[in-house]
Amino acid sequence: EDSAEEQELAVIQFGKRYYTSNGI
């Protein structure tokens, strides 16, 4: 439910993949 800007800060790029963050 977060804004697109906040969600962008909650995505981690590792190698060629992207992962959603489950911490801060």
PDBML (XML) file of the C-alpha atoms, coordinates in Angstrom:
<?xml version="1.0" encoding="UTF-8" ?>
<PDBx:datablock datablockName="MODEL"
   xmlns:PDBx="http://pdbml.pdb.org/schema/pdbx-v50.xsd"
   xmlns:xsi="http://www.w3.org/2001/XMLSchema-instance"
   xsi:schemaLocation="http://pdbml.pdb.org/schema/pdbx-v50.xsd pdbx-v50.xsd">
   <PDBx:atom_siteCategory>
      <PDBx:atom_site id="1">
         <PDBx:B_iso_or_equiv>0.00</PDBx:B_iso_or_equiv>
         <PDBx:Cartn_x>0.000</PDBx:Cartn_x>
         <PDBx:Cartn_y>0.000</PDBx:Cartn_y>
         <PDBx:Cartn_z>0.000</PDBx:Cartn_z>
         <PDBx:auth_asym_id>A</PDBx:auth_asym_id>
         <PDBx:auth_atom_id>CA</PDBx:auth_atom_id>
         <PDBx:auth_comp_id>GLU</PDBx:auth_comp_id>
         <PDBx:auth_seq_id>1</PDBx:auth_seq_id>
         <PDBx:group_PDB>ATOM</PDBx:group_PDB>
         <PDBx:label_alt_id xsi:nil="true" />
         <PDBx:label_asym_id>A</PDBx:label_asym_id>
         <PDBx:label_atom_id>CA</PDBx:label_atom_id>
         <PDBx:label_comp_id>GLU</PDBx:label_comp_id>
         <PDBx:label_entity_id>1</PDBx:label_entity_id>
         <PDBx:label_seq_id>1</PDBx:label_seq_id>
         <PDBx:occupancy>1.00</PDBx:occupancy>
         <PDBx:pdbx_PDB_model_num>1</PDBx:pdbx_PDB_model_num>
         <PDBx:type_symbol>C</PDBx:type_symbol>
      </PDBx:atom_site>
      <PDBx:atom_site id="2">
         <PDBx:B_iso_or_equiv>0.00</PDBx:B_iso_or_equiv>
         <PDBx:Cartn_x>3.032</PDBx:Cartn_x>
         <PDBx:Cartn_y>2.331</PDBx:Cartn_y>
         <PDBx:Cartn_z>0.039</PDBx:Cartn_z>
         <PDBx:auth_asym_id>A</PDBx:auth_asym_id>
         <PDBx:auth_atom_id>CA</PDBx:auth_atom_id>
         <PDBx:auth_comp_id>ASP</PDBx:auth_comp_id>
         <PDBx:auth_seq_id>2</PDBx:auth_seq_id>
         <PDBx:group_PDB>ATOM</PDBx:group_PDB>
         <PDBx:label_alt_id xsi:nil="true" />
         <PDBx:label_asym_id>A</PDBx:label_asym_id>
         <PDBx:label_atom_id>CA</PDBx:label_atom_id>
         <PDBx:label_comp_id>ASP</PDBx:label_comp_id>
         <PDBx:label_entity_id>1</PDBx:label_entity_id>
         <PDBx:label_seq_id>2</PDBx:label_seq_id>
         <PDBx:occupancy>1.00</PDBx:occupancy>
         <PDBx:pdbx_PDB_model_num>1</PDBx:pdbx_PDB_model_num>
         <PDBx:type_symbol>C</PDBx:type_symbol>
      </PDBx:atom_site>
      <PDBx:atom_site id="3">
         <PDBx:B_iso_or_equiv>0.00</PDBx:B_iso_or_equiv>
         <PDBx:Cartn_x>3.663</PDBx:Cartn_x>
         <PDBx:Cartn_y>4.974</PDBx:Cartn_y>
         <PDBx:Cartn_z>-2.570</PDBx:Cartn_z>
         <PDBx:auth_asym_id>A</PDBx:auth_asym_id>
         <PDBx:auth_atom_id>CA</PDBx:auth_atom_id>
         <PDBx:auth_comp_id>SER</PDBx:auth_comp_id>
         <PDBx:auth_seq_id>3</PDBx:auth_seq_id>
         <PDBx:group_PDB>ATOM</PDBx:group_PDB>
         <PDBx:label_alt_id xsi:nil="true" />
         <PDBx:label_asym_id>A</PDBx:label_asym_id>
         <PDBx:label_atom_id>CA</PDBx:label_atom_id>
         <PDBx:label_comp_id>SER</PDBx:label_comp_id>
         <PDBx:label_entity_id>1</PDBx:label_entity_id>
         <PDBx:label_seq_id>3</PDBx:label_seq_id>
         <PDBx:occupancy>1.00</PDBx:occupancy>
         <PDBx:pdbx_PDB_model_num>1</PDBx:pdbx_PDB_model_num>
         <PDBx:type_symbol>C</PDBx:type_symbol>
      </PDBx:atom_site>
      <PDBx:atom_site id="4">
         <PDBx:B_iso_or_equiv>0.00</PDBx:B_iso_or_equiv>
         <PDBx:Cartn_x>5.754</PDBx:Cartn_x>
         <PDBx:Cartn_y>4.157</PDBx:Cartn_y>
         <PDBx:Cartn_z>-5.638</PDBx:Cartn_z>
         <PDBx:auth_asym_id>A</PDBx:auth_asym_id>
         <PDBx:auth_atom_id>CA</PDBx:auth_atom_id>
         <PDBx:auth_comp_id>ALA</PDBx:auth_comp_id>
         <PDBx:auth_seq_id>4</PDBx:auth_seq_id>
         <PDBx:group_PDB>ATOM</PDBx:group_PDB>
         <PDBx:label_alt_id xsi:nil="true" />
         <PDBx:label_asym_id>A</PDBx:label_asym_id>
         <PDBx:label_atom_id>CA</PDBx:label_atom_id>
         <PDBx:label_comp_id>ALA</PDBx:label_comp_id>
         <PDBx:label_entity_id>1</PDBx:label_entity_id>
         <PDBx:label_seq_id>4</PDBx:label_seq_id>
         <PDBx:occupancy>1.00</PDBx:occupancy>
         <PDBx:pdbx_PDB_model_num>1</PDBx:pdbx_PDB_model_num>
         <PDBx:type_symbol>C</PDBx:type_symbol>
      </PDBx:atom_site>
      <PDBx:atom_site id="5">
         <PDBx:B_iso_or_equiv>0.00</PDBx:B_iso_or_equiv>
         <PDBx:Cartn_x>8.596</PDBx:Cartn_x>
         <PDBx:Cartn_y>6.243</PDBx:Cartn_y>
         <PDBx:Cartn_z>-4.203</PDBx:Cartn_z>
         <PDBx:auth_asym_id>A</PDBx:auth_asym_id>
         <PDBx:auth_atom_id>CA</PDBx:auth_atom_id>
         <PDBx:auth_comp_id>GLU</PDBx:auth_comp_id>
         <PDBx:auth_seq_id>5</PDBx:auth_seq_id>
         <PDBx:group_PDB>ATOM</PDBx:group_PDB>
         <PDBx:label_alt_id xsi:nil="true" />
         <PDBx:label_asym_id>A</PDBx:label_asym_id>
         <PDBx:label_atom_id>CA</PDBx:label_atom_id>
         <PDBx:label_comp_id>GLU</PDBx:label_comp_id>
         <PDBx:label_entity_id>1</PDBx:label_entity_id>
         <PDBx:label_seq_id>5</PDBx:label_seq_id>
         <PDBx:occupancy>1.00</PDBx:occupancy>
         <PDBx:pdbx_PDB_model_num>1</PDBx:pdbx_PDB_model_num>
         <PDBx:type_symbol>C</PDBx:type_symbol>
      </PDBx:atom_site>
      <PDBx:atom_site id="6">
         <PDBx:B_iso_or_equiv>0.00</PDBx:B_iso_or_equiv>
         <PDBx:Cartn_x>8.591</PDBx:Cartn_x>
         <PDBx:Cartn_y>4.316</PDBx:Cartn_y>
         <PDBx:Cartn_z>-0.911</PDBx:Cartn_z>
         <PDBx:auth_asym_id>A</PDBx:auth_asym_id>
         <PDBx:auth_atom_id>CA</PDBx:auth_atom_id>
         <PDBx:auth_comp_id>GLU</PDBx:auth_comp_id>
         <PDBx:auth_seq_id>6</PDBx:auth_seq_id>
         <PDBx:group_PDB>ATOM</PDBx:group_PDB>
         <PDBx:label_alt_id xsi:nil="true" />
         <PDBx:label_asym_id>A</PDBx:label_asym_id>
         <PDBx:label_atom_id>CA</PDBx:label_atom_id>
         <PDBx:label_comp_id>GLU</PDBx:label_comp_id>
         <PDBx:label_entity_id>1</PDBx:label_entity_id>
         <PDBx:label_seq_id>6</PDBx:label_seq_id>
         <PDBx:occupancy>1.00</PDBx:occupancy>
         <PDBx:pdbx_PDB_model_num>1</PDBx:pdbx_PDB_model_num>
         <PDBx:type_symbol>C</PDBx:type_symbol>
      </PDBx:atom_site>
      <PDBx:atom_site id="7">
         <PDBx:B_iso_or_equiv>0.00</PDBx:B_iso_or_equiv>
         <PDBx:Cartn_x>8.356</PDBx:Cartn_x>
         <PDBx:Cartn_y>1.001</PDBx:Cartn_y>
         <PDBx:Cartn_z>-2.720</PDBx:Cartn_z>
         <PDBx:auth_asym_id>A</PDBx:auth_asym_id>
         <PDBx:auth_atom_id>CA</PDBx:auth_atom_id>
         <PDBx:auth_comp_id>GLN</PDBx:auth_comp_id>
         <PDBx:auth_seq_id>7</PDBx:auth_seq_id>
         <PDBx:group_PDB>ATOM</PDBx:group_PDB>
         <PDBx:label_alt_id xsi:nil="true" />
         <PDBx:label_asym_id>A</PDBx:label_asym_id>
         <PDBx:label_atom_id>CA</PDBx:label_atom_id>
         <PDBx:label_comp_id>GLN</PDBx:label_comp_id>
         <PDBx:label_entity_id>1</PDBx:label_entity_id>
         <PDBx:label_seq_id>7</PDBx:label_seq_id>
         <PDBx:occupancy>1.00</PDBx:occupancy>
         <PDBx:pdbx_PDB_model_num>1</PDBx:pdbx_PDB_model_num>
         <PDBx:type_symbol>C</PDBx:type_symbol>
      </PDBx:atom_site>
      <PDBx:atom_site id="8">
         <PDBx:B_iso_or_equiv>0.00</PDBx:B_iso_or_equiv>
         <PDBx:Cartn_x>11.378</PDBx:Cartn_x>
         <PDBx:Cartn_y>1.933</PDBx:Cartn_y>
         <PDBx:Cartn_z>-4.810</PDBx:Cartn_z>
         <PDBx:auth_asym_id>A</PDBx:auth_asym_id>
         <PDBx:auth_atom_id>CA</PDBx:auth_atom_id>
         <PDBx:auth_comp_id>GLU</PDBx:auth_comp_id>
         <PDBx:auth_seq_id>8</PDBx:auth_seq_id>
         <PDBx:group_PDB>ATOM</PDBx:group_PDB>
         <PDBx:label_alt_id xsi:nil="true" />
         <PDBx:label_asym_id>A</PDBx:label_asym_id>
         <PDBx:label_atom_id>CA</PDBx:label_atom_id>
         <PDBx:label_comp_id>GLU</PDBx:label_comp_id>
         <PDBx:label_entity_id>1</PDBx:label_entity_id>
         <PDBx:label_seq_id>8</PDBx:label_seq_id>
         <PDBx:occupancy>1.00</PDBx:occupancy>
         <PDBx:pdbx_PDB_model_num>1</PDBx:pdbx_PDB_model_num>
         <PDBx:type_symbol>C</PDBx:type_symbol>
      </PDBx:atom_site>
      <PDBx:atom_site id="9">
         <PDBx:B_iso_or_equiv>0.00</PDBx:B_iso_or_equiv>
         <PDBx:Cartn_x>13.347</PDBx:Cartn_x>
         <PDBx:Cartn_y>2.330</PDBx:Cartn_y>
         <PDBx:Cartn_z>-1.566</PDBx:Cartn_z>
         <PDBx:auth_asym_id>A</PDBx:auth_asym_id>
         <PDBx:auth_atom_id>CA</PDBx:auth_atom_id>
         <PDBx:auth_comp_id>LEU</PDBx:auth_comp_id>
         <PDBx:auth_seq_id>9</PDBx:auth_seq_id>
         <PDBx:group_PDB>ATOM</PDBx:group_PDB>
         <PDBx:label_alt_id xsi:nil="true" />
         <PDBx:label_asym_id>A</PDBx:label_asym_id>
         <PDBx:label_atom_id>CA</PDBx:label_atom_id>
         <PDBx:label_comp_id>LEU</PDBx:label_comp_id>
         <PDBx:label_entity_id>1</PDBx:label_entity_id>
         <PDBx:label_seq_id>9</PDBx:label_seq_id>
         <PDBx:occupancy>1.00</PDBx:occupancy>
         <PDBx:pdbx_PDB_model_num>1</PDBx:pdbx_PDB_model_num>
         <PDBx:type_symbol>C</PDBx:type_symbol>
      </PDBx:atom_site>
      <PDBx:atom_site id="10">
         <PDBx:B_iso_or_equiv>0.00</PDBx:B_iso_or_equiv>
         <PDBx:Cartn_x>12.142</PDBx:Cartn_x>
         <PDBx:Cartn_y>-1.144</PDBx:Cartn_y>
         <PDBx:Cartn_z>-0.522</PDBx:Cartn_z>
         <PDBx:auth_asym_id>A</PDBx:auth_asym_id>
         <PDBx:auth_atom_id>CA</PDBx:auth_atom_id>
         <PDBx:auth_comp_id>ALA</PDBx:auth_comp_id>
         <PDBx:auth_seq_id>10</PDBx:auth_seq_id>
         <PDBx:group_PDB>ATOM</PDBx:group_PDB>
         <PDBx:label_alt_id xsi:nil="true" />
         <PDBx:label_asym_id>A</PDBx:label_asym_id>
         <PDBx:label_atom_id>CA</PDBx:label_atom_id>
         <PDBx:label_comp_id>ALA</PDBx:label_comp_id>
         <PDBx:label_entity_id>1</PDBx:label_entity_id>
         <PDBx:label_seq_id>10</PDBx:label_seq_id>
         <PDBx:occupancy>1.00</PDBx:occupancy>
         <PDBx:pdbx_PDB_model_num>1</PDBx:pdbx_PDB_model_num>
         <PDBx:type_symbol>C</PDBx:type_symbol>
      </PDBx:atom_site>
      <PDBx:atom_site id="11">
         <PDBx:B_iso_or_equiv>0.00</PDBx:B_iso_or_equiv>
         <PDBx:Cartn_x>13.537</PDBx:Cartn_x>
         <PDBx:Cartn_y>-3.006</PDBx:Cartn_y>
         <PDBx:Cartn_z>-3.549</PDBx:Cartn_z>
         <PDBx:auth_asym_id>A</PDBx:auth_asym_id>
         <PDBx:auth_atom_id>CA</PDBx:auth_atom_id>
         <PDBx:auth_comp_id>VAL</PDBx:auth_comp_id>
         <PDBx:auth_seq_id>11</PDBx:auth_seq_id>
         <PDBx:group_PDB>ATOM</PDBx:group_PDB>
         <PDBx:label_alt_id xsi:nil="true" />
         <PDBx:label_asym_id>A</PDBx:label_asym_id>
         <PDBx:label_atom_id>CA</PDBx:label_atom_id>
         <PDBx:label_comp_id>VAL</PDBx:label_comp_id>
         <PDBx:label_entity_id>1</PDBx:label_entity_id>
         <PDBx:label_seq_id>11</PDBx:label_seq_id>
         <PDBx:occupancy>1.00</PDBx:occupancy>
         <PDBx:pdbx_PDB_model_num>1</PDBx:pdbx_PDB_model_num>
         <PDBx:type_symbol>C</PDBx:type_symbol>
      </PDBx:atom_site>
      <PDBx:atom_site id="12">
         <PDBx:B_iso_or_equiv>0.00</PDBx:B_iso_or_equiv>
         <PDBx:Cartn_x>17.058</PDBx:Cartn_x>
         <PDBx:Cartn_y>-4.470</PDBx:Cartn_y>
         <PDBx:Cartn_z>-3.497</PDBx:Cartn_z>
         <PDBx:auth_asym_id>A</PDBx:auth_asym_id>
         <PDBx:auth_atom_id>CA</PDBx:auth_atom_id>
         <PDBx:auth_comp_id>ILE</PDBx:auth_comp_id>
         <PDBx:auth_seq_id>12</PDBx:auth_seq_id>
         <PDBx:group_PDB>ATOM</PDBx:group_PDB>
         <PDBx:label_alt_id xsi:nil="true" />
         <PDBx:label_asym_id>A</PDBx:label_asym_id>
         <PDBx:label_atom_id>CA</PDBx:label_atom_id>
         <PDBx:label_comp_id>ILE</PDBx:label_comp_id>
         <PDBx:label_entity_id>1</PDBx:label_entity_id>
         <PDBx:label_seq_id>12</PDBx:label_seq_id>
         <PDBx:occupancy>1.00</PDBx:occupancy>
         <PDBx:pdbx_PDB_model_num>1</PDBx:pdbx_PDB_model_num>
         <PDBx:type_symbol>C</PDBx:type_symbol>
      </PDBx:atom_site>
      <PDBx:atom_site id="13">
         <PDBx:B_iso_or_equiv>0.00</PDBx:B_iso_or_equiv>
         <PDBx:Cartn_x>19.005</PDBx:Cartn_x>
         <PDBx:Cartn_y>-5.296</PDBx:Cartn_y>
         <PDBx:Cartn_z>-6.631</PDBx:Cartn_z>
         <PDBx:auth_asym_id>A</PDBx:auth_asym_id>
         <PDBx:auth_atom_id>CA</PDBx:auth_atom_id>
         <PDBx:auth_comp_id>GLN</PDBx:auth_comp_id>
         <PDBx:auth_seq_id>13</PDBx:auth_seq_id>
         <PDBx:group_PDB>ATOM</PDBx:group_PDB>
         <PDBx:label_alt_id xsi:nil="true" />
         <PDBx:label_asym_id>A</PDBx:label_asym_id>
         <PDBx:label_atom_id>CA</PDBx:label_atom_id>
         <PDBx:label_comp_id>GLN</PDBx:label_comp_id>
         <PDBx:label_entity_id>1</PDBx:label_entity_id>
         <PDBx:label_seq_id>13</PDBx:label_seq_id>
         <PDBx:occupancy>1.00</PDBx:occupancy>
         <PDBx:pdbx_PDB_model_num>1</PDBx:pdbx_PDB_model_num>
         <PDBx:type_symbol>C</PDBx:type_symbol>
      </PDBx:atom_site>
      <PDBx:atom_site id="14">
         <PDBx:B_iso_or_equiv>0.00</PDBx:B_iso_or_equiv>
         <PDBx:Cartn_x>21.342</PDBx:Cartn_x>
         <PDBx:Cartn_y>-8.235</PDBx:Cartn_y>
         <PDBx:Cartn_z>-6.195</PDBx:Cartn_z>
         <PDBx:auth_asym_id>A</PDBx:auth_asym_id>
         <PDBx:auth_atom_id>CA</PDBx:auth_atom_id>
         <PDBx:auth_comp_id>PHE</PDBx:auth_comp_id>
         <PDBx:auth_seq_id>14</PDBx:auth_seq_id>
         <PDBx:group_PDB>ATOM</PDBx:group_PDB>
         <PDBx:label_alt_id xsi:nil="true" />
         <PDBx:label_asym_id>A</PDBx:label_asym_id>
         <PDBx:label_atom_id>CA</PDBx:label_atom_id>
         <PDBx:label_comp_id>PHE</PDBx:label_comp_id>
         <PDBx:label_entity_id>1</PDBx:label_entity_id>
         <PDBx:label_seq_id>14</PDBx:label_seq_id>
         <PDBx:occupancy>1.00</PDBx:occupancy>
         <PDBx:pdbx_PDB_model_num>1</PDBx:pdbx_PDB_model_num>
         <PDBx:type_symbol>C</PDBx:type_symbol>
      </PDBx:atom_site>
      <PDBx:atom_site id="15">
         <PDBx:B_iso_or_equiv>0.00</PDBx:B_iso_or_equiv>
         <PDBx:Cartn_x>23.067</PDBx:Cartn_x>
         <PDBx:Cartn_y>-9.262</PDBx:Cartn_y>
         <PDBx:Cartn_z>-9.388</PDBx:Cartn_z>
         <PDBx:auth_asym_id>A</PDBx:auth_asym_id>
         <PDBx:auth_atom_id>CA</PDBx:auth_atom_id>
         <PDBx:auth_comp_id>GLY</PDBx:auth_comp_id>
         <PDBx:auth_seq_id>15</PDBx:auth_seq_id>
         <PDBx:group_PDB>ATOM</PDBx:group_PDB>
         <PDBx:label_alt_id xsi:nil="true" />
         <PDBx:label_asym_id>A</PDBx:label_asym_id>
         <PDBx:label_atom_id>CA</PDBx:label_atom_id>
         <PDBx:label_comp_id>GLY</PDBx:label_comp_id>
         <PDBx:label_entity_id>1</PDBx:label_entity_id>
         <PDBx:label_seq_id>15</PDBx:label_seq_id>
         <PDBx:occupancy>1.00</PDBx:occupancy>
         <PDBx:pdbx_PDB_model_num>1</PDBx:pdbx_PDB_model_num>
         <PDBx:type_symbol>C</PDBx:type_symbol>
      </PDBx:atom_site>
      <PDBx:atom_site id="16">
         <PDBx:B_iso_or_equiv>0.00</PDBx:B_iso_or_equiv>
         <PDBx:Cartn_x>20.446</PDBx:Cartn_x>
         <PDBx:Cartn_y>-9.236</PDBx:Cartn_y>
         <PDBx:Cartn_z>-12.137</PDBx:Cartn_z>
         <PDBx:auth_asym_id>A</PDBx:auth_asym_id>
         <PDBx:auth_atom_id>CA</PDBx:auth_atom_id>
         <PDBx:auth_comp_id>LYS</PDBx:auth_comp_id>
         <PDBx:auth_seq_id>16</PDBx:auth_seq_id>
         <PDBx:group_PDB>ATOM</PDBx:group_PDB>
         <PDBx:label_alt_id xsi:nil="true" />
         <PDBx:label_asym_id>A</PDBx:label_asym_id>
         <PDBx:label_atom_id>CA</PDBx:label_atom_id>
         <PDBx:label_comp_id>LYS</PDBx:label_comp_id>
         <PDBx:label_entity_id>1</PDBx:label_entity_id>
         <PDBx:label_seq_id>16</PDBx:label_seq_id>
         <PDBx:occupancy>1.00</PDBx:occupancy>
         <PDBx:pdbx_PDB_model_num>1</PDBx:pdbx_PDB_model_num>
         <PDBx:type_symbol>C</PDBx:type_symbol>
      </PDBx:atom_site>
      <PDBx:atom_site id="17">
         <PDBx:B_iso_or_equiv>0.00</PDBx:B_iso_or_equiv>
         <PDBx:Cartn_x>17.541</PDBx:Cartn_x>
         <PDBx:Cartn_y>-9.858</PDBx:Cartn_y>
         <PDBx:Cartn_z>-9.789</PDBx:Cartn_z>
         <PDBx:auth_asym_id>A</PDBx:auth_asym_id>
         <PDBx:auth_atom_id>CA</PDBx:auth_atom_id>
         <PDBx:auth_comp_id>ARG</PDBx:auth_comp_id>
         <PDBx:auth_seq_id>17</PDBx:auth_seq_id>
         <PDBx:group_PDB>ATOM</PDBx:group_PDB>
         <PDBx:label_alt_id xsi:nil="true" />
         <PDBx:label_asym_id>A</PDBx:label_asym_id>
         <PDBx:label_atom_id>CA</PDBx:label_atom_id>
         <PDBx:label_comp_id>ARG</PDBx:label_comp_id>
         <PDBx:label_entity_id>1</PDBx:label_entity_id>
         <PDBx:label_seq_id>17</PDBx:label_seq_id>
         <PDBx:occupancy>1.00</PDBx:occupancy>
         <PDBx:pdbx_PDB_model_num>1</PDBx:pdbx_PDB_model_num>
         <PDBx:type_symbol>C</PDBx:type_symbol>
      </PDBx:atom_site>
      <PDBx:atom_site id="18">
         <PDBx:B_iso_or_equiv>0.00</PDBx:B_iso_or_equiv>
         <PDBx:Cartn_x>15.358</PDBx:Cartn_x>
         <PDBx:Cartn_y>-7.614</PDBx:Cartn_y>
         <PDBx:Cartn_z>-7.668</PDBx:Cartn_z>
         <PDBx:auth_asym_id>A</PDBx:auth_asym_id>
         <PDBx:auth_atom_id>CA</PDBx:auth_atom_id>
         <PDBx:auth_comp_id>TYR</PDBx:auth_comp_id>
         <PDBx:auth_seq_id>18</PDBx:auth_seq_id>
         <PDBx:group_PDB>ATOM</PDBx:group_PDB>
         <PDBx:label_alt_id xsi:nil="true" />
         <PDBx:label_asym_id>A</PDBx:label_asym_id>
         <PDBx:label_atom_id>CA</PDBx:label_atom_id>
         <PDBx:label_comp_id>TYR</PDBx:label_comp_id>
         <PDBx:label_entity_id>1</PDBx:label_entity_id>
         <PDBx:label_seq_id>18</PDBx:label_seq_id>
         <PDBx:occupancy>1.00</PDBx:occupancy>
         <PDBx:pdbx_PDB_model_num>1</PDBx:pdbx_PDB_model_num>
         <PDBx:type_symbol>C</PDBx:type_symbol>
      </PDBx:atom_site>
      <PDBx:atom_site id="19">
         <PDBx:B_iso_or_equiv>0.00</PDBx:B_iso_or_equiv>
         <PDBx:Cartn_x>14.092</PDBx:Cartn_x>
         <PDBx:Cartn_y>-8.513</PDBx:Cartn_y>
         <PDBx:Cartn_z>-4.196</PDBx:Cartn_z>
         <PDBx:auth_asym_id>A</PDBx:auth_asym_id>
         <PDBx:auth_atom_id>CA</PDBx:auth_atom_id>
         <PDBx:auth_comp_id>TYR</PDBx:auth_comp_id>
         <PDBx:auth_seq_id>19</PDBx:auth_seq_id>
         <PDBx:group_PDB>ATOM</PDBx:group_PDB>
         <PDBx:label_alt_id xsi:nil="true" />
         <PDBx:label_asym_id>A</PDBx:label_asym_id>
         <PDBx:label_atom_id>CA</PDBx:label_atom_id>
         <PDBx:label_comp_id>TYR</PDBx:label_comp_id>
         <PDBx:label_entity_id>1</PDBx:label_entity_id>
         <PDBx:label_seq_id>19</PDBx:label_seq_id>
         <PDBx:occupancy>1.00</PDBx:occupancy>
         <PDBx:pdbx_PDB_model_num>1</PDBx:pdbx_PDB_model_num>
         <PDBx:type_symbol>C</PDBx:type_symbol>
      </PDBx:atom_site>
      <PDBx:atom_site id="20">
         <PDBx:B_iso_or_equiv>0.00</PDBx:B_iso_or_equiv>
         <PDBx:Cartn_x>11.549</PDBx:Cartn_x>
         <PDBx:Cartn_y>-6.850</PDBx:Cartn_y>
         <PDBx:Cartn_z>-1.925</PDBx:Cartn_z>
         <PDBx:auth_asym_id>A</PDBx:auth_asym_id>
         <PDBx:auth_atom_id>CA</PDBx:auth_atom_id>
         <PDBx:auth_comp_id>THR</PDBx:auth_comp_id>
         <PDBx:auth_seq_id>20</PDBx:auth_seq_id>
         <PDBx:group_PDB>ATOM</PDBx:group_PDB>
         <PDBx:label_alt_id xsi:nil="true" />
         <PDBx:label_asym_id>A</PDBx:label_asym_id>
         <PDBx:label_atom_id>CA</PDBx:label_atom_id>
         <PDBx:label_comp_id>THR</PDBx:label_comp_id>
         <PDBx:label_entity_id>1</PDBx:label_entity_id>
         <PDBx:label_seq_id>20</PDBx:label_seq_id>
         <PDBx:occupancy>1.00</PDBx:occupancy>
         <PDBx:pdbx_PDB_model_num>1</PDBx:pdbx_PDB_model_num>
         <PDBx:type_symbol>C</PDBx:type_symbol>
      </PDBx:atom_site>
      <PDBx:atom_site id="21">
         <PDBx:B_iso_or_equiv>0.00</PDBx:B_iso_or_equiv>
         <PDBx:Cartn_x>12.926</PDBx:Cartn_x>
         <PDBx:Cartn_y>-5.815</PDBx:Cartn_y>
         <PDBx:Cartn_z>1.440</PDBx:Cartn_z>
         <PDBx:auth_asym_id>A</PDBx:auth_asym_id>
         <PDBx:auth_atom_id>CA</PDBx:auth_atom_id>
         <PDBx:auth_comp_id>SER</PDBx:auth_comp_id>
         <PDBx:auth_seq_id>21</PDBx:auth_seq_id>
         <PDBx:group_PDB>ATOM</PDBx:group_PDB>
         <PDBx:label_alt_id xsi:nil="true" />
         <PDBx:label_asym_id>A</PDBx:label_asym_id>
         <PDBx:label_atom_id>CA</PDBx:label_atom_id>
         <PDBx:label_comp_id>SER</PDBx:label_comp_id>
         <PDBx:label_entity_id>1</PDBx:label_entity_id>
         <PDBx:label_seq_id>21</PDBx:label_seq_id>
         <PDBx:occupancy>1.00</PDBx:occupancy>
         <PDBx:pdbx_PDB_model_num>1</PDBx:pdbx_PDB_model_num>
         <PDBx:type_symbol>C</PDBx:type_symbol>
      </PDBx:atom_site>
      <PDBx:atom_site id="22">
         <PDBx:B_iso_or_equiv>0.00</PDBx:B_iso_or_equiv>
         <PDBx:Cartn_x>11.553</PDBx:Cartn_x>
         <PDBx:Cartn_y>-7.489</PDBx:Cartn_y>
         <PDBx:Cartn_z>4.598</PDBx:Cartn_z>
         <PDBx:auth_asym_id>A</PDBx:auth_asym_id>
         <PDBx:auth_atom_id>CA</PDBx:auth_atom_id>
         <PDBx:auth_comp_id>ASN</PDBx:auth_comp_id>
         <PDBx:auth_seq_id>22</PDBx:auth_seq_id>
         <PDBx:group_PDB>ATOM</PDBx:group_PDB>
         <PDBx:label_alt_id xsi:nil="true" />
         <PDBx:label_asym_id>A</PDBx:label_asym_id>
         <PDBx:label_atom_id>CA</PDBx:label_atom_id>
         <PDBx:label_comp_id>ASN</PDBx:label_comp_id>
         <PDBx:label_entity_id>1</PDBx:label_entity_id>
         <PDBx:label_seq_id>22</PDBx:label_seq_id>
         <PDBx:occupancy>1.00</PDBx:occupancy>
         <PDBx:pdbx_PDB_model_num>1</PDBx:pdbx_PDB_model_num>
         <PDBx:type_symbol>C</PDBx:type_symbol>
      </PDBx:atom_site>
      <PDBx:atom_site id="23">
         <PDBx:B_iso_or_equiv>0.00</PDBx:B_iso_or_equiv>
         <PDBx:Cartn_x>13.539</PDBx:Cartn_x>
         <PDBx:Cartn_y>-5.268</PDBx:Cartn_y>
         <PDBx:Cartn_z>6.955</PDBx:Cartn_z>
         <PDBx:auth_asym_id>A</PDBx:auth_asym_id>
         <PDBx:auth_atom_id>CA</PDBx:auth_atom_id>
         <PDBx:auth_comp_id>GLY</PDBx:auth_comp_id>
         <PDBx:auth_seq_id>23</PDBx:auth_seq_id>
         <PDBx:group_PDB>ATOM</PDBx:group_PDB>
         <PDBx:label_alt_id xsi:nil="true" />
         <PDBx:label_asym_id>A</PDBx:label_asym_id>
         <PDBx:label_atom_id>CA</PDBx:label_atom_id>
         <PDBx:label_comp_id>GLY</PDBx:label_comp_id>
         <PDBx:label_entity_id>1</PDBx:label_entity_id>
         <PDBx:label_seq_id>23</PDBx:label_seq_id>
         <PDBx:occupancy>1.00</PDBx:occupancy>
         <PDBx:pdbx_PDB_model_num>1</PDBx:pdbx_PDB_model_num>
         <PDBx:type_symbol>C</PDBx:type_symbol>
      </PDBx:atom_site>
      <PDBx:atom_site id="24">
         <PDBx:B_iso_or_equiv>0.00</PDBx:B_iso_or_equiv>
         <PDBx:Cartn_x>14.998</PDBx:Cartn_x>
         <PDBx:Cartn_y>-1.762</PDBx:Cartn_y>
         <PDBx:Cartn_z>7.070</PDBx:Cartn_z>
         <PDBx:auth_asym_id>A</PDBx:auth_asym_id>
         <PDBx:auth_atom_id>CA</PDBx:auth_atom_id>
         <PDBx:auth_comp_id>ILE</PDBx:auth_comp_id>
         <PDBx:auth_seq_id>24</PDBx:auth_seq_id>
         <PDBx:group_PDB>ATOM</PDBx:group_PDB>
         <PDBx:label_alt_id xsi:nil="true" />
         <PDBx:label_asym_id>A</PDBx:label_asym_id>
         <PDBx:label_atom_id>CA</PDBx:label_atom_id>
         <PDBx:label_comp_id>ILE</PDBx:label_comp_id>
         <PDBx:label_entity_id>1</PDBx:label_entity_id>
         <PDBx:label_seq_id>24</PDBx:label_seq_id>
         <PDBx:occupancy>1.00</PDBx:occupancy>
         <PDBx:pdbx_PDB_model_num>1</PDBx:pdbx_PDB_model_num>
         <PDBx:type_symbol>C</PDBx:type_symbol>
      </PDBx:atom_site>
   </PDBx:atom_siteCategory>
</PDBx:datablock>
